[in-house]
Amino acid sequence: MANQPAKTRIYQNHHLDSTRWNWFKPRDNDIIIATSYKAGTTLMQTIVANLLFPHDDMPAPASDLSPWLDFRLFPLELALGQLEAQEHRRFIKTHTPLDGLPYFPEAKYICVSRDPRDVFMSLLNHWGNHTEAFYMAANSTPGRVGDEFPRFGGDIKEMWRDWITHSWFDWEIGGYPYWSHLSYALTFWNHREMDNILMVHFNDLRADLEGEMRRIAAYLEIDVAEEDWPDVVRRCTFEEVKKNPSKVVGEGISFAFEGGADTFIHKGTNRRWVGVLDEEDLALYEEAMAKLPKDFRQWLEGGTQAGMAA
């Protein structure tokens, strides 16, 4: 197959260990939900869960059904055991770029992304609400490669400068102290013509949730009865999720975040960076974005509304 993805990188740090995928045994029609972070991961897990269980009969919260396989703090044998025991169609979360993943032609990949400035604002809530227990686990669990996960400093300008100009991995553009949001979706974008890779943008999900959900369902070859669609869509709206976030994220989220699920499911809104990032900050942003292909940049900032044909 022309231009088939290939694993050429290893991603290992305080959060990630991409080598954990080496032990994964794929099944036909596995769904792999791939995002950098704060770009619509949980929303996509919620969408896929409700498409697979359209009668509101999920056996567990969406994030529990869809384990983050490359998260090194969760024992690998438990994650693999959970997936092996599942009898429904599986949907697995990853934060590893495509060039760090083994490619499975029998799987369906969904890459979700978002304007980098919106991702950064959401990341402030995420990073700023980690528990002491989480910092201890990230930095003390055996097997960490590289430096410790730094604590949230509170200086937004300094954190922005680090995030947009410094990289944890030498080959990426920005992203410190996590991994690059700018480079992440590009690894999928470069293979977007493939039948088993779907690019989805957060802006499009917010602008036309039902339309995007129908597109995702068609791609995944999931048939939802027409009379079920209104409830399926309603259960995926931010407002509905915020009412009862425990249906989306399990109790284990309280280990990582002060306030648990209510903190983790935050605002889901865009353009909060306006009035926060100043001209100097946005000049750094322009320098970083200039390193990206023009068509990818347009899509990354705006989705299909920016002119990309999905």
C-alpha atoms as a PDB file:
ATOM      1  CA  MET A   1       0.000   0.000   0.000  1.00  0.00           C
ATOM      2  CA  ALA A   2       1.387   3.374  -0.998  1.00  0.00           C
ATOM      3  CA  ASN A   3       2.298   5.753   1.772  1.00  0.00           C
ATOM      4  CA  GLN A   4       1.425   3.218   4.468  1.00  0.00           C
ATOM      5  CA  PRO A   5       2.243   4.445   7.995  1.00  0.00           C
ATOM      6  CA  ALA A   6       5.368   3.062   9.626  1.00  0.00           C
ATOM      7  CA  LYS A   7       6.622   3.181  13.194  1.00  0.00           C
ATOM      8  CA  THR A   8       9.844   5.184  13.160  1.00  0.00           C
ATOM      9  CA  ARG A   9       9.856   6.787  16.631  1.00  0.00           C
ATOM     10  CA  ILE A  10       9.659   5.770  20.271  1.00  0.00           C
ATOM     11  CA  TYR A  11       7.818   8.107  22.636  1.00  0.00           C
ATOM     12  CA  GLN A  12       8.739   7.689  26.286  1.00  0.00           C
ATOM     13  CA  ASN A  13       8.571  10.233  29.082  1.00  0.00           C
ATOM     14  CA  HIS A  14       6.826  10.798  32.413  1.00  0.00           C
ATOM     15  CA  HIS A  15       3.394   9.999  30.864  1.00  0.00           C
ATOM     16  CA  LEU A  16       3.990   8.041  27.684  1.00  0.00           C
ATOM     17  CA  ASP A  17       5.471   4.711  26.770  1.00  0.00           C
ATOM     18  CA  SER A  18       4.676   3.939  23.149  1.00  0.00           C
ATOM     19  CA  THR A  19       6.418   0.551  23.361  1.00  0.00           C
ATOM     20  CA  ARG A  20       3.431  -0.779  25.320  1.00  0.00           C
ATOM     21  CA  TRP A  21       1.686  -1.131  21.944  1.00  0.00           C
ATOM     22  CA  ASN A  22       4.138  -3.906  21.087  1.00  0.00           C
ATOM     23  CA  TRP A  23       2.033  -6.281  23.225  1.00  0.00           C
ATOM     24  CA  PHE A  24      -1.328  -5.258  21.789  1.00  0.00           C
ATOM     25  CA  LYS A  25      -3.175  -7.893  19.754  1.00  0.00           C
ATOM     26  CA  PRO A  26      -5.558  -6.220  17.305  1.00  0.00           C
ATOM     27  CA  ARG A  27      -8.974  -7.481  16.313  1.00  0.00           C
ATOM     28  CA  ASP A  28     -10.811  -6.727  13.122  1.00  0.00           C
ATOM     29  CA  ASN A  29     -12.577  -3.360  13.356  1.00  0.00           C
ATOM     30  CA  ASP A  30     -10.807  -2.150  16.499  1.00  0.00           C
ATOM     31  CA  ILE A  31     -11.214   1.619  16.819  1.00  0.00           C
ATOM     32  CA  ILE A  32      -8.175   3.676  17.820  1.00  0.00           C
ATOM     33  CA  ILE A  33      -8.973   7.181  19.080  1.00  0.00           C
ATOM     34  CA  ALA A  34      -5.845   9.294  18.671  1.00  0.00           C
ATOM     35  CA  THR A  35      -5.327  12.810  20.025  1.00  0.00           C
ATOM     36  CA  SER A  36      -2.453  14.840  21.407  1.00  0.00           C
ATOM     37  CA  TYR A  37      -4.363  16.035  24.526  1.00  0.00           C
ATOM     38  CA  LYS A  38      -7.146  18.522  25.328  1.00  0.00           C
ATOM     39  CA  ALA A  39      -8.339  18.331  21.732  1.00  0.00           C
ATOM     40  CA  GLY A  40     -11.508  16.282  22.129  1.00  0.00           C
ATOM     41  CA  THR A  41     -10.305  12.914  23.421  1.00  0.00           C
ATOM     42  CA  THR A  42     -13.062  12.395  25.970  1.00  0.00           C
ATOM     43  CA  LEU A  43     -15.694  13.783  23.617  1.00  0.00           C
ATOM     44  CA  MET A  44     -14.695  11.278  20.945  1.00  0.00           C
ATOM     45  CA  GLN A  45     -14.685   8.426  23.460  1.00  0.00           C
ATOM     46  CA  THR A  46     -18.190   9.509  24.454  1.00  0.00           C
ATOM     47  CA  ILE A  47     -19.339   9.662  20.833  1.00  0.00           C
ATOM     48  CA  VAL A  48     -17.973   6.238  19.937  1.00  0.00           C
ATOM     49  CA  ALA A  49     -19.371   4.700  23.131  1.00  0.00           C
ATOM     50  CA  ASN A  50     -22.845   6.043  22.403  1.00  0.00           C
ATOM     51  CA  LEU A  51     -22.701   4.901  18.794  1.00  0.00           C
ATOM     52  CA  LEU A  52     -21.797   1.410  19.957  1.00  0.00           C
ATOM     53  CA  PHE A  53     -24.362   1.501  22.787  1.00  0.00           C
ATOM     54  CA  PRO A  54     -27.165   3.655  21.347  1.00  0.00           C
ATOM     55  CA  HIS A  55     -29.702   2.689  23.998  1.00  0.00           C
ATOM     56  CA  ASP A  56     -27.777   4.272  26.883  1.00  0.00           C
ATOM     57  CA  ASP A  57     -26.644   0.840  28.039  1.00  0.00           C
ATOM     58  CA  MET A  58     -22.874   1.284  28.320  1.00  0.00           C
ATOM     59  CA  PRO A  59     -21.543  -1.264  30.836  1.00  0.00           C
ATOM     60  CA  ALA A  60     -19.085   1.298  32.287  1.00  0.00           C
ATOM     61  CA  PRO A  61     -18.032   4.938  31.818  1.00  0.00           C
ATOM     62  CA  ALA A  62     -16.734   5.646  28.325  1.00  0.00           C
ATOM     63  CA  SER A  63     -13.164   6.298  29.475  1.00  0.00           C
ATOM     64  CA  ASP A  64     -13.110   3.004  31.379  1.00  0.00           C
ATOM     65  CA  LEU A  65     -14.278   1.101  28.320  1.00  0.00           C
ATOM     66  CA  SER A  66     -11.602   2.845  26.251  1.00  0.00           C
ATOM     67  CA  PRO A  67      -8.280   2.507  28.114  1.00  0.00           C
ATOM     68  CA  TRP A  68      -5.300   4.750  27.379  1.00  0.00           C
ATOM     69  CA  LEU A  69      -2.890   2.009  26.354  1.00  0.00           C
ATOM     70  CA  ASP A  70       0.337   4.041  26.254  1.00  0.00           C
ATOM     71  CA  PHE A  71      -0.186   5.600  29.702  1.00  0.00           C
ATOM     72  CA  ARG A  72       2.736   4.160  31.617  1.00  0.00           C
ATOM     73  CA  LEU A  73       1.277   4.683  35.109  1.00  0.00           C
ATOM     74  CA  PHE A  74      -1.471   2.101  34.569  1.00  0.00           C
ATOM     75  CA  PRO A  75      -0.191  -1.493  34.703  1.00  0.00           C
ATOM     76  CA  LEU A  76       0.089  -2.812  31.169  1.00  0.00           C
ATOM     77  CA  GLU A  77      -1.138  -6.283  32.056  1.00  0.00           C
ATOM     78  CA  LEU A  78      -4.356  -4.818  33.465  1.00  0.00           C
ATOM     79  CA  ALA A  79      -4.997  -2.707  30.378  1.00  0.00           C
ATOM     80  CA  LEU A  80      -4.351  -5.626  28.036  1.00  0.00           C
ATOM     81  CA  GLY A  81      -6.445  -7.950  30.202  1.00  0.00           C
ATOM     82  CA  GLN A  82      -9.323  -5.495  30.159  1.00  0.00           C
ATOM     83  CA  LEU A  83      -9.197  -5.243  26.384  1.00  0.00           C
ATOM     84  CA  GLU A  84      -8.904  -9.011  25.943  1.00  0.00           C
ATOM     85  CA  ALA A  85     -12.000  -9.562  28.102  1.00  0.00           C
ATOM     86  CA  GLN A  86     -14.161  -7.124  26.123  1.00  0.00           C
ATOM     87  CA  GLU A  87     -16.716  -8.811  23.886  1.00  0.00           C
ATOM     88  CA  HIS A  88     -18.074  -5.620  22.321  1.00  0.00           C
ATOM     89  CA  ARG A  89     -16.264  -3.756  19.571  1.00  0.00           C
ATOM     90  CA  ARG A  90     -13.215  -2.201  21.194  1.00  0.00           C
ATOM     91  CA  PHE A  91     -12.162   1.447  21.113  1.00  0.00           C
ATOM     92  CA  ILE A  92      -8.726   2.262  22.473  1.00  0.00           C
ATOM     93  CA  LYS A  93      -7.311   5.668  23.364  1.00  0.00           C
ATOM     94  CA  THR A  94      -3.792   6.722  22.447  1.00  0.00           C
ATOM     95  CA  HIS A  95      -1.741   9.886  22.812  1.00  0.00           C
ATOM     96  CA  THR A  96       1.109   8.462  20.731  1.00  0.00           C
ATOM     97  CA  PRO A  97       1.621  10.023  17.272  1.00  0.00           C
ATOM     98  CA  LEU A  98       1.142   7.738  14.285  1.00  0.00           C
ATOM     99  CA  ASP A  99       4.884   7.487  13.679  1.00  0.00           C
ATOM    100  CA  GLY A 100       5.200   5.849  17.115  1.00  0.00           C
ATOM    101  CA  LEU A 101       2.360   3.348  16.662  1.00  0.00           C
ATOM    102  CA  PRO A 102       2.374  -0.028  14.974  1.00  0.00           C
ATOM    103  CA  TYR A 103       0.054   0.231  11.978  1.00  0.00           C
ATOM    104  CA  PHE A 104      -2.913  -2.140  11.943  1.00  0.00           C
ATOM    105  CA  PRO A 105      -4.692  -2.223   8.553  1.00  0.00           C
ATOM    106  CA  GLU A 106      -7.656  -4.005  10.161  1.00  0.00           C
ATOM    107  CA  ALA A 107      -8.248  -1.128  12.624  1.00  0.00           C
ATOM    108  CA  LYS A 108     -10.051   2.186  12.165  1.00  0.00           C
ATOM    109  CA  TYR A 109      -8.143   5.297  13.311  1.00  0.00           C
ATOM    110  CA  ILE A 110      -9.861   8.537  14.344  1.00  0.00           C
ATOM    111  CA  CYS A 111      -7.511  11.483  14.856  1.00  0.00           C
ATOM    112  CA  VAL A 112      -9.087  14.445  16.657  1.00  0.00           C
ATOM    113  CA  SER A 113      -7.413  17.838  16.810  1.00  0.00           C
ATOM    114  CA  ARG A 114      -8.033  21.462  17.750  1.00  0.00           C
ATOM    115  CA  ASP A 115      -6.636  24.987  17.431  1.00  0.00           C
ATOM    116  CA  PRO A 116      -3.345  24.995  19.390  1.00  0.00           C
ATOM    117  CA  ARG A 117      -4.267  28.146  21.282  1.00  0.00           C
ATOM    118  CA  ASP A 118      -7.471  26.536  22.536  1.00  0.00           C
ATOM    119  CA  VAL A 119      -5.555  23.394  23.488  1.00  0.00           C
ATOM    120  CA  PHE A 120      -3.139  25.445  25.569  1.00  0.00           C
ATOM    121  CA  MET A 121      -5.935  27.177  27.479  1.00  0.00           C
ATOM    122  CA  SER A 122      -7.568  23.827  28.230  1.00  0.00           C
ATOM    123  CA  LEU A 123      -4.198  22.418  29.235  1.00  0.00           C
ATOM    124  CA  LEU A 124      -3.875  25.075  31.946  1.00  0.00           C
ATOM    125  CA  ASN A 125      -6.906  23.615  33.733  1.00  0.00           C
ATOM    126  CA  HIS A 126      -5.619  20.087  33.204  1.00  0.00           C
ATOM    127  CA  TRP A 127      -2.037  20.637  34.389  1.00  0.00           C
ATOM    128  CA  GLY A 128      -3.066  23.112  37.074  1.00  0.00           C
ATOM    129  CA  ASN A 129      -5.355  20.666  38.866  1.00  0.00           C
ATOM    130  CA  HIS A 130      -3.142  17.596  39.176  1.00  0.00           C
ATOM    131  CA  THR A 131      -3.074  15.998  42.620  1.00  0.00           C
ATOM    132  CA  GLU A 132       0.049  15.443  44.663  1.00  0.00           C
ATOM    133  CA  ALA A 133      -0.516  11.722  44.256  1.00  0.00           C
ATOM    134  CA  PHE A 134      -0.368  12.074  40.491  1.00  0.00           C
ATOM    135  CA  TYR A 135       2.915  13.986  40.535  1.00  0.00           C
ATOM    136  CA  MET A 136       4.377  11.326  42.810  1.00  0.00           C
ATOM    137  CA  ALA A 137       3.213   8.542  40.505  1.00  0.00           C
ATOM    138  CA  ALA A 138       4.438  10.251  37.319  1.00  0.00           C
ATOM    139  CA  ASN A 139       7.873  10.848  38.748  1.00  0.00           C
ATOM    140  CA  SER A 140       8.355   7.789  40.956  1.00  0.00           C
ATOM    141  CA  THR A 141       6.828   4.912  38.994  1.00  0.00           C
ATOM    142  CA  PRO A 142       9.728   2.789  37.707  1.00  0.00           C
ATOM    143  CA  GLY A 143      10.512   3.023  34.015  1.00  0.00           C
ATOM    144  CA  ARG A 144      10.339   6.771  33.505  1.00  0.00           C
ATOM    145  CA  VAL A 145      12.544   7.903  30.636  1.00  0.00           C
ATOM    146  CA  GLY A 146      13.939  11.422  30.870  1.00  0.00           C
ATOM    147  CA  ASP A 147      13.318  14.205  33.343  1.00  0.00           C
ATOM    148  CA  GLU A 148      10.555  14.451  35.902  1.00  0.00           C
ATOM    149  CA  PHE A 149       7.151  15.869  35.055  1.00  0.00           C
ATOM    150  CA  PRO A 150       7.433  19.496  36.249  1.00  0.00           C
ATOM    151  CA  ARG A 151       4.859  21.020  38.542  1.00  0.00           C
ATOM    152  CA  PHE A 152       2.422  23.657  37.393  1.00  0.00           C
ATOM    153  CA  GLY A 153       4.063  27.026  37.940  1.00  0.00           C
ATOM    154  CA  GLY A 154       1.148  29.388  37.508  1.00  0.00           C
ATOM    155  CA  ASP A 155       2.919  31.891  35.233  1.00  0.00           C
ATOM    156  CA  ILE A 156       0.849  31.634  32.056  1.00  0.00           C
ATOM    157  CA  LYS A 157       3.250  33.674  29.942  1.00  0.00           C
ATOM    158  CA  GLU A 158       6.225  31.522  30.934  1.00  0.00           C
ATOM    159  CA  MET A 159       4.269  28.301  30.399  1.00  0.00           C
ATOM    160  CA  TRP A 160       3.102  29.484  26.976  1.00  0.00           C
ATOM    161  CA  ARG A 161       6.656  30.343  25.934  1.00  0.00           C
ATOM    162  CA  ASP A 162       7.867  26.897  27.007  1.00  0.00           C
ATOM    163  CA  TRP A 163       4.919  25.097  25.396  1.00  0.00           C
ATOM    164  CA  ILE A 164       5.099  26.844  22.023  1.00  0.00           C
ATOM    165  CA  THR A 165       8.902  27.013  21.632  1.00  0.00           C
ATOM    166  CA  HIS A 166      10.353  23.995  23.490  1.00  0.00           C
ATOM    167  CA  SER A 167       9.889  20.302  22.733  1.00  0.00           C
ATOM    168  CA  TRP A 168      10.160  17.263  24.974  1.00  0.00           C
ATOM    169  CA  PHE A 169      11.142  15.208  21.941  1.00  0.00           C
ATOM    170  CA  ASP A 170      13.823  16.718  19.703  1.00  0.00           C
ATOM    171  CA  TRP A 171      12.004  15.981  16.437  1.00  0.00           C
ATOM    172  CA  GLU A 172       8.772  17.754  17.406  1.00  0.00           C
ATOM    173  CA  ILE A 173       7.515  21.352  17.341  1.00  0.00           C
ATOM    174  CA  GLY A 174       6.727  22.672  20.814  1.00  0.00           C
ATOM    175  CA  GLY A 175       4.653  20.899  23.451  1.00  0.00           C
ATOM    176  CA  TYR A 176       6.822  21.090  26.568  1.00  0.00           C
ATOM    177  CA  PRO A 177       6.455  19.521  29.126  1.00  0.00           C
ATOM    178  CA  TYR A 178       4.156  16.966  27.433  1.00  0.00           C
ATOM    179  CA  TRP A 179       4.633  16.283  23.705  1.00  0.00           C
ATOM    180  CA  SER A 180       3.833  18.301  20.629  1.00  0.00           C
ATOM    181  CA  HIS A 181       0.271  19.176  19.763  1.00  0.00           C
ATOM    182  CA  LEU A 182       1.407  20.872  16.553  1.00  0.00           C
ATOM    183  CA  SER A 183       3.266  17.809  15.284  1.00  0.00           C
ATOM    184  CA  TYR A 184       0.802  15.192  16.533  1.00  0.00           C
ATOM    185  CA  ALA A 185      -2.058  15.399  14.044  1.00  0.00           C
ATOM    186  CA  LEU A 186       0.416  15.997  11.210  1.00  0.00           C
ATOM    187  CA  THR A 187       1.541  12.371  11.531  1.00  0.00           C
ATOM    188  CA  PHE A 188      -2.054  11.356  10.699  1.00  0.00           C
ATOM    189  CA  TRP A 189      -2.685  14.178   8.227  1.00  0.00           C
ATOM    190  CA  ASN A 190       0.139  12.861   6.061  1.00  0.00           C
ATOM    191  CA  HIS A 191      -1.881   9.629   5.627  1.00  0.00           C
ATOM    192  CA  ARG A 192      -5.365  11.143   5.570  1.00  0.00           C
ATOM    193  CA  GLU A 193      -6.161   9.652   2.150  1.00  0.00           C
ATOM    194  CA  MET A 194      -6.189   6.140   3.627  1.00  0.00           C
ATOM    195  CA  ASP A 195      -9.543   4.427   4.062  1.00  0.00           C
ATOM    196  CA  ASN A 196      -8.926   3.650   7.730  1.00  0.00           C
ATOM    197  CA  ILE A 197      -7.833   7.110   8.915  1.00  0.00           C
ATOM    198  CA  LEU A 198     -10.422   9.783   9.709  1.00  0.00           C
ATOM    199  CA  MET A 199      -9.528  13.355  10.638  1.00  0.00           C
ATOM    200  CA  VAL A 200     -11.991  15.105  12.962  1.00  0.00           C
ATOM    201  CA  HIS A 201     -11.737  18.666  14.264  1.00  0.00           C
ATOM    202  CA  PHE A 202     -13.052  19.912  17.590  1.00  0.00           C
ATOM    203  CA  ASN A 203     -14.541  23.023  15.948  1.00  0.00           C
ATOM    204  CA  ASP A 204     -16.645  20.873  13.640  1.00  0.00           C
ATOM    205  CA  LEU A 205     -17.884  18.774  16.556  1.00  0.00           C
ATOM    206  CA  ARG A 206     -18.983  21.923  18.349  1.00  0.00           C
ATOM    207  CA  ALA A 207     -20.544  23.480  15.238  1.00  0.00           C
ATOM    208  CA  ASP A 208     -22.443  20.432  13.979  1.00  0.00           C
ATOM    209  CA  LEU A 209     -22.317  17.584  16.469  1.00  0.00           C
ATOM    210  CA  GLU A 210     -25.002  15.494  14.790  1.00  0.00           C
ATOM    211  CA  GLY A 211     -23.527  15.916  11.330  1.00  0.00           C
ATOM    212  CA  GLU A 212     -20.077  14.898  12.530  1.00  0.00           C
ATOM    213  CA  MET A 213     -21.469  11.981  14.518  1.00  0.00           C
ATOM    214  CA  ARG A 214     -23.262  10.711  11.424  1.00  0.00           C
ATOM    215  CA  ARG A 215     -20.008  11.035   9.470  1.00  0.00           C
ATOM    216  CA  ILE A 216     -18.154   9.095  12.170  1.00  0.00           C
ATOM    217  CA  ALA A 217     -20.851   6.417  12.292  1.00  0.00           C
ATOM    218  CA  ALA A 218     -20.681   5.966   8.512  1.00  0.00           C
ATOM    219  CA  TYR A 219     -16.886   5.700   8.648  1.00  0.00           C
ATOM    220  CA  LEU A 220     -17.071   3.110  11.440  1.00  0.00           C
ATOM    221  CA  GLU A 221     -19.906   1.286   9.635  1.00  0.00           C
ATOM    222  CA  ILE A 222     -22.166   1.544  12.678  1.00  0.00           C
ATOM    223  CA  ASP A 223     -25.902   1.583  11.989  1.00  0.00           C
ATOM    224  CA  VAL A 224     -27.977   3.616  14.429  1.00  0.00           C
ATOM    225  CA  ALA A 225     -31.746   3.478  14.076  1.00  0.00           C
ATOM    226  CA  GLU A 226     -33.105   6.832  12.931  1.00  0.00           C
ATOM    227  CA  GLU A 227     -35.418   7.068  15.941  1.00  0.00           C
ATOM    228  CA  ASP A 228     -32.420   6.650  18.285  1.00  0.00           C
ATOM    229  CA  TRP A 229     -30.348   9.500  16.844  1.00  0.00           C
ATOM    230  CA  PRO A 230     -31.803  12.373  18.899  1.00  0.00           C
ATOM    231  CA  ASP A 231     -30.990  10.681  22.224  1.00  0.00           C
ATOM    232  CA  VAL A 232     -27.597   9.459  21.037  1.00  0.00           C
ATOM    233  CA  VAL A 233     -26.611  12.989  20.023  1.00  0.00           C
ATOM    234  CA  ARG A 234     -28.035  14.557  23.189  1.00  0.00           C
ATOM    235  CA  ARG A 235     -25.950  12.270  25.395  1.00  0.00           C
ATOM    236  CA  CYS A 236     -22.807  13.531  23.636  1.00  0.00           C
ATOM    237  CA  THR A 237     -23.447  17.252  24.062  1.00  0.00           C
ATOM    238  CA  PHE A 238     -21.123  19.054  26.434  1.00  0.00           C
ATOM    239  CA  GLU A 239     -24.067  20.273  28.493  1.00  0.00           C
ATOM    240  CA  GLU A 240     -25.378  16.735  29.016  1.00  0.00           C
ATOM    241  CA  VAL A 241     -21.938  15.337  29.843  1.00  0.00           C
ATOM    242  CA  LYS A 242     -21.311  18.140  32.337  1.00  0.00           C
ATOM    243  CA  LYS A 243     -24.552  17.255  34.163  1.00  0.00           C
ATOM    244  CA  ASN A 244     -23.287  13.768  34.933  1.00  0.00           C
ATOM    245  CA  PRO A 245     -19.579  13.436  34.097  1.00  0.00           C
ATOM    246  CA  SER A 246     -19.327  10.103  35.938  1.00  0.00           C
ATOM    247  CA  LYS A 247     -21.037   8.494  32.936  1.00  0.00           C
ATOM    248  CA  VAL A 248     -18.060   9.528  30.844  1.00  0.00           C
ATOM    249  CA  VAL A 249     -15.060   9.284  33.193  1.00  0.00           C
ATOM    250  CA  GLY A 250     -14.710   6.744  35.988  1.00  0.00           C
ATOM    251  CA  GLU A 251     -13.947   7.255  39.659  1.00  0.00           C
ATOM    252  CA  GLY A 252     -10.236   6.743  39.045  1.00  0.00           C
ATOM    253  CA  ILE A 253     -10.021  10.269  37.640  1.00  0.00           C
ATOM    254  CA  SER A 254      -9.996  11.609  41.217  1.00  0.00           C
ATOM    255  CA  PHE A 255      -6.526  10.127  41.666  1.00  0.00           C
ATOM    256  CA  ALA A 256      -5.160  12.504  39.026  1.00  0.00           C
ATOM    257  CA  PHE A 257      -7.283  15.648  39.399  1.00  0.00           C
ATOM    258  CA  GLU A 258      -8.462  17.729  42.306  1.00  0.00           C
ATOM    259  CA  GLY A 259     -12.239  17.780  42.010  1.00  0.00           C
ATOM    260  CA  GLY A 260     -12.322  14.604  39.946  1.00  0.00           C
ATOM    261  CA  ALA A 261     -14.597  14.345  36.929  1.00  0.00           C
ATOM    262  CA  ASP A 262     -16.157  17.773  37.432  1.00  0.00           C
ATOM    263  CA  THR A 263     -12.715  19.389  37.099  1.00  0.00           C
ATOM    264  CA  PHE A 264     -11.641  17.190  34.202  1.00  0.00           C
ATOM    265  CA  ILE A 265     -14.788  17.998  32.181  1.00  0.00           C
ATOM    266  CA  HIS A 266     -14.118  21.732  32.218  1.00  0.00           C
ATOM    267  CA  LYS A 267     -15.540  24.220  29.675  1.00  0.00           C
ATOM    268  CA  GLY A 268     -15.297  22.802  26.157  1.00  0.00           C
ATOM    269  CA  THR A 269     -15.205  26.324  24.696  1.00  0.00           C
ATOM    270  CA  ASN A 270     -12.884  27.999  22.213  1.00  0.00           C
ATOM    271  CA  ARG A 271     -11.061  31.338  21.968  1.00  0.00           C
ATOM    272  CA  ARG A 272     -10.463  31.738  25.691  1.00  0.00           C
ATOM    273  CA  TRP A 273      -6.921  32.690  24.675  1.00  0.00           C
ATOM    274  CA  VAL A 274      -8.149  36.038  23.342  1.00  0.00           C
ATOM    275  CA  GLY A 275      -7.050  38.692  25.822  1.00  0.00           C
ATOM    276  CA  VAL A 276      -4.728  36.220  27.567  1.00  0.00           C
ATOM    277  CA  LEU A 277      -2.061  35.751  24.903  1.00  0.00           C
ATOM    278  CA  ASP A 278      -0.497  39.096  24.000  1.00  0.00           C
ATOM    279  CA  GLU A 279       1.275  40.240  20.821  1.00  0.00           C
ATOM    280  CA  GLU A 280       4.599  38.805  21.956  1.00  0.00           C
ATOM    281  CA  ASP A 281       2.964  35.456  22.699  1.00  0.00           C
ATOM    282  CA  LEU A 282       1.209  35.372  19.333  1.00  0.00           C
ATOM    283  CA  ALA A 283       4.454  36.222  17.530  1.00  0.00           C
ATOM    284  CA  LEU A 284       5.948  33.048  19.012  1.00  0.00           C
ATOM    285  CA  TYR A 285       2.853  31.198  17.857  1.00  0.00           C
ATOM    286  CA  GLU A 286       3.337  32.460  14.306  1.00  0.00           C
ATOM    287  CA  GLU A 287       6.963  31.307  14.326  1.00  0.00           C
ATOM    288  CA  ALA A 288       5.932  27.807  15.366  1.00  0.00           C
ATOM    289  CA  MET A 289       2.986  27.544  12.958  1.00  0.00           C
ATOM    290  CA  ALA A 290       5.140  28.699  10.045  1.00  0.00           C
ATOM    291  CA  LYS A 291       6.958  25.359  10.319  1.00  0.00           C
ATOM    292  CA  LEU A 292       3.786  23.460   9.374  1.00  0.00           C
ATOM    293  CA  PRO A 293       2.425  22.771   5.872  1.00  0.00           C
ATOM    294  CA  LYS A 294      -0.017  25.531   4.926  1.00  0.00           C
ATOM    295  CA  ASP A 295      -3.032  23.274   4.324  1.00  0.00           C
ATOM    296  CA  PHE A 296      -2.463  21.439   7.603  1.00  0.00           C
ATOM    297  CA  ARG A 297      -2.151  24.709   9.502  1.00  0.00           C
ATOM    298  CA  GLN A 298      -5.442  25.927   8.052  1.00  0.00           C
ATOM    299  CA  TRP A 299      -7.198  22.756   9.135  1.00  0.00           C
ATOM    300  CA  LEU A 300      -5.515  22.671  12.561  1.00  0.00           C
ATOM    301  CA  GLU A 301      -6.741  26.171  13.326  1.00  0.00           C
ATOM    302  CA  GLY A 302     -10.247  25.847  11.954  1.00  0.00           C
ATOM    303  CA  GLY A 303     -11.233  22.386  10.769  1.00  0.00           C
ATOM    304  CA  THR A 304     -13.412  22.102   7.671  1.00  0.00           C
ATOM    305  CA  GLN A 305     -14.543  25.671   8.270  1.00  0.00           C
ATOM    306  CA  ALA A 306     -11.011  26.676   7.240  1.00  0.00           C
ATOM    307  CA  GLY A 307     -11.489  25.064   3.841  1.00  0.00           C
ATOM    308  CA  MET A 308     -10.228  21.491   4.225  1.00  0.00           C
ATOM    309  CA  ALA A 309     -12.321  18.917   2.393  1.00  0.00           C
ATOM    310  CA  ALA A 310     -12.941  16.206   4.977  1.00  0.00           C
END
